[in-house]
Amino acid sequence: MLPEERKNYIYNIINERKVVKVSELSKELELTEATIRRDLEELQNEKKLRRTHGGAVALQPEETFYVIRQLATIHVQEKQAIAKKAYEFIEDGDTLILDASSTTQELCKLIAEGNKKELTVITNAFSVVNILRVKHDMIIIHTGGVVEPKTESSIGDFAVRQLSKLKADKVFMGVNGIDPEFGYSITNLNEGNVKRAMINCAAEVFVIADHSKFSSTFLSQVAEPEGEVDYLITDRKHPKIDYSVYEKKVHLIFAEETGGCSE
């Protein structure tokens, strides 16, 4: 097999499996690990994959930048269960950061209907402001910035600078992908910069994401797989996901402790 043919073959394997290890490819293709690592490095330079410690993961293109109103109609029950569990972590007097994700919208609905007192909410999402404007005892701060119509939020350097001047007790945010090697990621670089700024100014970081986000990677890394996210709240255990690799890196919480389910 010629070098280019081999690289194309490896590229197709990664797109199919999403995550591969150097050792596995070495055995499967009967090549040295040094050769596999060199091919993976070249594929990464061609922006066809992302290298991880001991392997590589498939990249999702930025063109898959999701529209928030479409996302709000997917896995609704799961998102509602996750939001209900996340709500339990909110205390009277908290200063919260809420991003523009669809799962966060479900959490906002609970906050609007709930009895938590003296909350301050910082957000870049217009939907969060709209949902919470009924709470007259709440302080709501919008970051401002460049308007992104697809996520109905503000992004860009202005939003990042505003966040850098603030401190919060907790941030609740959604992501597009969660991977044990690459960490937490989303599709858009500018939105990723805002989420990283949110993480940097919060004492505790909560990622709220349903099971479909696991074992996926996207263009913009929001947080490392370990050390930056405190709690990962998801819906429930699914048989196709190995949760043990995540439980070693973050406090993993299931909204519904009912065991696995079939898909």
Protein backbone atom coordinates (compact mmCIF):
# COMPACT_ATOMS: atom_id res chain seq x y z
CA MET A 1 0.00 0.00 0.00
CA LEU A 2 1.42 3.38 -1.06
CA PRO A 3 1.79 6.10 1.63
CA GLU A 4 -1.11 8.20 0.28
CA GLU A 5 -3.35 5.16 -0.01
CA ARG A 6 -2.45 4.20 3.55
CA LYS A 7 -3.25 7.67 4.86
CA ASN A 8 -6.60 7.68 3.08
CA TYR A 9 -7.36 4.28 4.55
CA ILE A 10 -6.50 5.49 8.07
CA TYR A 11 -8.58 8.62 7.52
CA ASN A 12 -11.61 6.53 6.54
CA ILE A 13 -11.16 4.30 9.60
CA ILE A 14 -11.11 7.32 11.93
CA ASN A 15 -14.21 8.84 10.34
CA GLU A 16 -16.02 5.56 10.82
CA ARG A 17 -14.89 4.80 14.37
CA LYS A 18 -14.51 8.43 15.58
CA VAL A 19 -11.69 7.45 17.98
CA VAL A 20 -8.63 5.26 17.25
CA LYS A 21 -5.44 4.30 19.06
CA VAL A 22 -1.97 4.08 17.52
CA SER A 23 -1.44 0.60 18.98
CA GLU A 24 -4.69 -0.69 17.44
CA LEU A 25 -3.91 0.70 13.99
CA SER A 26 -0.38 -0.69 14.20
CA LYS A 27 -1.65 -4.22 14.79
CA GLU A 28 -4.49 -3.95 12.30
CA LEU A 29 -2.31 -2.62 9.44
CA GLU A 30 0.82 -4.55 10.47
CA LEU A 31 2.88 -1.37 10.55
CA THR A 32 5.17 0.12 13.17
CA GLU A 33 3.68 2.58 15.65
CA ALA A 34 6.20 5.16 14.43
CA THR A 35 4.73 4.91 10.91
CA ILE A 36 1.18 5.27 12.23
CA ARG A 37 2.11 8.29 14.34
CA ARG A 38 3.76 9.94 11.32
CA ASP A 39 0.66 9.38 9.19
CA LEU A 40 -1.58 10.77 11.93
CA GLU A 41 0.60 13.86 12.27
CA GLU A 42 0.39 14.47 8.52
CA LEU A 43 -3.39 14.02 8.55
CA GLN A 44 -3.64 16.49 11.42
CA ASN A 45 -1.55 19.00 9.47
CA GLU A 46 -4.05 18.57 6.64
CA LYS A 47 -6.82 19.34 9.15
CA LYS A 48 -8.44 15.93 8.63
CA LEU A 49 -8.28 14.75 12.25
CA ARG A 50 -7.06 15.75 15.69
CA ARG A 51 -4.24 13.96 17.43
CA THR A 52 -4.71 12.83 21.01
CA HIS A 53 -2.41 11.15 23.48
CA GLY A 54 -1.93 7.68 22.02
CA GLY A 55 -4.23 8.09 19.03
CA ALA A 56 -6.54 10.41 17.12
CA VAL A 57 -10.18 11.50 16.90
CA ALA A 58 -12.34 12.46 13.95
CA LEU A 59 -13.07 16.13 13.40
CA GLN A 60 -16.54 17.47 12.79
CA PRO A 61 -16.62 20.36 10.31
CA GLU A 62 -17.50 23.85 11.48
CA GLU A 63 -20.30 23.89 8.91
CA THR A 64 -22.32 21.75 11.30
CA PHE A 65 -22.85 24.86 13.46
CA TYR A 66 -26.25 24.08 14.94
CA VAL A 67 -29.23 26.41 15.00
CA ILE A 68 -30.53 26.77 18.55
CA ARG A 69 -34.20 26.46 17.56
CA GLN A 70 -33.48 23.13 15.85
CA LEU A 71 -31.57 21.83 18.86
CA ALA A 72 -34.41 22.80 21.17
CA THR A 73 -36.60 20.15 19.52
CA ILE A 74 -34.11 17.25 19.91
CA HIS A 75 -33.90 14.98 23.02
CA VAL A 76 -36.34 17.28 24.83
CA GLN A 77 -37.22 14.85 27.65
CA GLU A 78 -33.56 14.12 28.29
CA LYS A 79 -32.75 17.83 28.45
CA GLN A 80 -35.62 18.45 30.84
CA ALA A 81 -34.39 15.68 33.15
CA ILE A 82 -30.85 17.09 33.04
CA ALA A 83 -32.14 20.60 33.80
CA LYS A 84 -34.12 19.31 36.78
CA LYS A 85 -30.98 17.73 38.24
CA ALA A 86 -28.90 20.85 37.54
CA TYR A 87 -31.48 23.02 39.27
CA GLU A 88 -30.78 21.15 42.52
CA PHE A 89 -27.27 22.64 42.57
CA ILE A 90 -28.50 26.25 42.51
CA GLU A 91 -28.63 27.96 45.90
CA ASP A 92 -30.19 31.21 47.09
CA GLY A 93 -27.88 34.15 46.44
CA ASP A 94 -25.89 32.44 43.68
CA THR A 95 -24.35 34.35 40.82
CA LEU A 96 -24.83 32.13 37.76
CA ILE A 97 -23.50 32.14 34.21
CA LEU A 98 -25.87 30.57 31.70
CA ASP A 99 -24.86 30.04 28.09
CA ALA A 100 -26.95 29.87 24.91
CA SER A 101 -27.40 26.10 24.75
CA SER A 102 -30.79 24.39 24.38
CA THR A 103 -30.32 22.41 27.62
CA THR A 104 -29.61 25.65 29.47
CA GLN A 105 -32.93 27.00 28.16
CA GLU A 106 -34.69 24.15 29.95
CA LEU A 107 -32.82 25.07 33.14
CA CYS A 108 -33.90 28.70 32.71
CA LYS A 109 -37.55 27.64 32.59
CA LEU A 110 -37.14 25.93 35.96
CA ILE A 111 -35.44 29.00 37.42
CA ALA A 112 -38.26 31.21 36.13
CA GLU A 113 -40.87 28.94 37.72
CA GLY A 114 -38.90 28.21 40.88
CA ASN A 115 -38.41 29.90 44.24
CA LYS A 116 -34.65 30.43 44.35
CA LYS A 117 -34.02 33.86 45.87
CA GLU A 118 -31.58 36.71 45.18
CA LEU A 119 -30.03 35.21 42.07
CA THR A 120 -27.80 37.09 39.67
CA VAL A 121 -27.60 35.70 36.14
CA ILE A 122 -24.91 36.54 33.62
CA THR A 123 -25.57 35.40 30.05
CA ASN A 124 -24.78 35.96 26.39
CA ALA A 125 -28.11 34.41 25.33
CA PHE A 126 -31.15 36.48 24.38
CA SER A 127 -33.39 33.49 25.13
CA VAL A 128 -32.15 33.42 28.74
CA VAL A 129 -32.99 37.11 29.18
CA ASN A 130 -36.42 36.58 27.63
CA ILE A 131 -37.27 33.58 29.84
CA LEU A 132 -36.01 35.13 33.08
CA ARG A 133 -37.35 38.67 32.61
CA VAL A 134 -40.44 37.65 34.62
CA LYS A 135 -38.27 37.32 37.76
CA HIS A 136 -38.39 40.81 39.21
CA ASP A 137 -36.19 39.88 42.18
CA MET A 138 -33.34 38.76 39.93
CA ILE A 139 -30.40 40.71 38.51
CA ILE A 140 -29.80 39.83 34.84
CA ILE A 141 -26.60 40.89 33.09
CA HIS A 142 -26.19 40.44 29.34
CA THR A 143 -22.61 40.42 28.06
CA GLY A 144 -23.31 42.21 24.81
CA GLY A 145 -21.14 41.56 21.77
CA VAL A 146 -21.58 40.58 18.14
CA VAL A 147 -24.99 39.02 17.55
CA GLU A 148 -24.91 35.41 16.29
CA PRO A 149 -28.38 34.70 14.81
CA LYS A 150 -27.99 30.90 14.71
CA THR A 151 -27.55 30.59 18.46
CA GLU A 152 -29.46 33.80 19.29
CA SER A 153 -26.54 34.95 21.40
CA SER A 154 -23.68 37.44 21.59
CA ILE A 155 -20.13 36.33 20.83
CA GLY A 156 -16.78 37.88 19.93
CA ASP A 157 -14.05 39.81 21.73
CA PHE A 158 -16.47 42.28 23.35
CA ALA A 159 -18.35 39.47 25.12
CA VAL A 160 -15.08 37.85 26.17
CA ARG A 161 -13.76 41.12 27.63
CA GLN A 162 -16.96 41.70 29.60
CA LEU A 163 -16.81 38.21 31.07
CA SER A 164 -13.16 38.67 32.05
CA LYS A 165 -14.26 41.46 34.43
CA LEU A 166 -16.85 39.31 36.23
CA LYS A 167 -16.89 36.54 38.83
CA ALA A 168 -19.59 33.93 39.34
CA ASP A 169 -20.33 31.04 41.64
CA LYS A 170 -21.42 28.58 38.95
CA VAL A 171 -21.58 28.29 35.19
CA PHE A 172 -23.99 25.95 33.43
CA MET A 173 -23.24 25.30 29.77
CA GLY A 174 -23.92 22.90 26.95
CA VAL A 175 -21.45 21.50 24.42
CA ASN A 176 -21.64 19.67 21.09
CA GLY A 177 -19.09 16.99 21.90
CA ILE A 178 -17.53 15.21 24.89
CA ASP A 179 -14.47 13.01 24.41
CA PRO A 180 -12.25 11.41 27.08
CA GLU A 181 -9.09 12.51 25.24
CA PHE A 182 -10.02 15.83 23.58
CA GLY A 183 -12.43 17.04 26.24
CA TYR A 184 -15.41 19.32 25.68
CA SER A 185 -15.88 20.94 22.30
CA ILE A 186 -18.28 22.88 20.08
CA THR A 187 -18.55 23.70 16.39
CA ASN A 188 -17.70 27.41 16.34
CA LEU A 189 -14.42 29.09 17.33
CA ASN A 190 -15.92 32.42 18.37
CA GLU A 191 -18.58 30.77 20.52
CA GLY A 192 -15.86 28.56 21.99
CA ASN A 193 -13.90 31.62 23.09
CA VAL A 194 -16.95 32.91 24.98
CA LYS A 195 -17.52 29.58 26.71
CA ARG A 196 -13.88 29.44 27.79
CA ALA A 197 -14.22 32.94 29.22
CA MET A 198 -17.29 31.77 31.14
CA ILE A 199 -15.34 28.87 32.60
CA ASN A 200 -12.50 31.16 33.64
CA CYS A 201 -14.71 33.42 35.75
CA ALA A 202 -16.75 30.72 37.54
CA ALA A 203 -15.86 28.96 40.79
CA GLU A 204 -17.70 25.79 39.71
CA VAL A 205 -18.24 24.56 36.16
CA PHE A 206 -21.23 22.40 35.17
CA VAL A 207 -21.53 20.90 31.72
CA ILE A 208 -25.10 19.79 31.04
CA ALA A 209 -25.35 17.48 28.02
CA ASP A 210 -27.41 14.49 26.91
CA HIS A 211 -25.94 11.13 25.89
CA SER A 212 -25.75 11.99 22.17
CA LYS A 213 -22.83 14.34 22.88
CA PHE A 214 -20.52 11.59 24.17
CA SER A 215 -17.63 10.20 22.09
CA SER A 216 -17.74 13.19 19.71
CA THR A 217 -15.26 15.95 18.95
CA PHE A 218 -15.74 19.27 17.21
CA LEU A 219 -13.57 22.10 16.00
CA SER A 220 -13.26 24.29 19.09
CA GLN A 221 -12.14 22.83 22.42
CA VAL A 222 -13.96 24.50 25.31
CA ALA A 223 -12.31 22.64 28.19
CA GLU A 224 -9.72 19.94 28.78
CA PRO A 225 -11.03 16.45 29.60
CA GLU A 226 -9.82 16.80 33.20
CA GLY A 227 -9.33 19.65 35.64
CA GLU A 228 -11.54 22.37 34.15
CA VAL A 229 -15.08 20.95 34.42
CA ASP A 230 -16.29 20.08 37.92
CA TYR A 231 -19.62 18.39 37.15
CA LEU A 232 -20.92 16.67 34.03
CA ILE A 233 -24.67 16.11 34.22
CA THR A 234 -26.24 13.82 31.63
CA ASP A 235 -29.57 12.05 31.25
CA ARG A 236 -28.95 8.39 32.07
CA LYS A 237 -26.67 5.43 31.36
CA HIS A 238 -26.76 4.13 27.81
CA PRO A 239 -25.31 0.72 26.93
CA LYS A 240 -23.21 1.97 24.00
CA ILE A 241 -21.19 4.41 26.11
CA ASP A 242 -18.26 3.48 28.36
CA TYR A 243 -18.78 5.92 31.22
CA SER A 244 -15.79 4.66 33.22
CA VAL A 245 -13.37 6.75 31.13
CA TYR A 246 -15.32 9.88 32.02
CA GLU A 247 -15.85 9.07 35.69
CA LYS A 248 -12.08 9.15 36.20
CA LYS A 249 -11.92 12.77 35.03
CA VAL A 250 -15.06 14.53 36.27
CA HIS A 251 -17.95 14.21 38.74
CA LEU A 252 -20.40 12.43 36.44
CA ILE A 253 -24.04 12.73 37.47
CA PHE A 254 -26.99 10.91 35.91
CA ALA A 255 -30.32 12.69 36.02
CA GLU A 256 -32.22 9.41 35.94
CA GLU A 257 -30.70 6.62 38.00
CA THR A 258 -32.77 3.91 36.34
CA GLY A 259 -30.05 1.82 34.75
CA GLY A 260 -29.44 1.39 31.06
CA CYS A 261 -31.87 1.57 28.19
CA SER A 262 -32.00 0.01 24.79
CA GLU A 263 -31.61 2.00 21.57
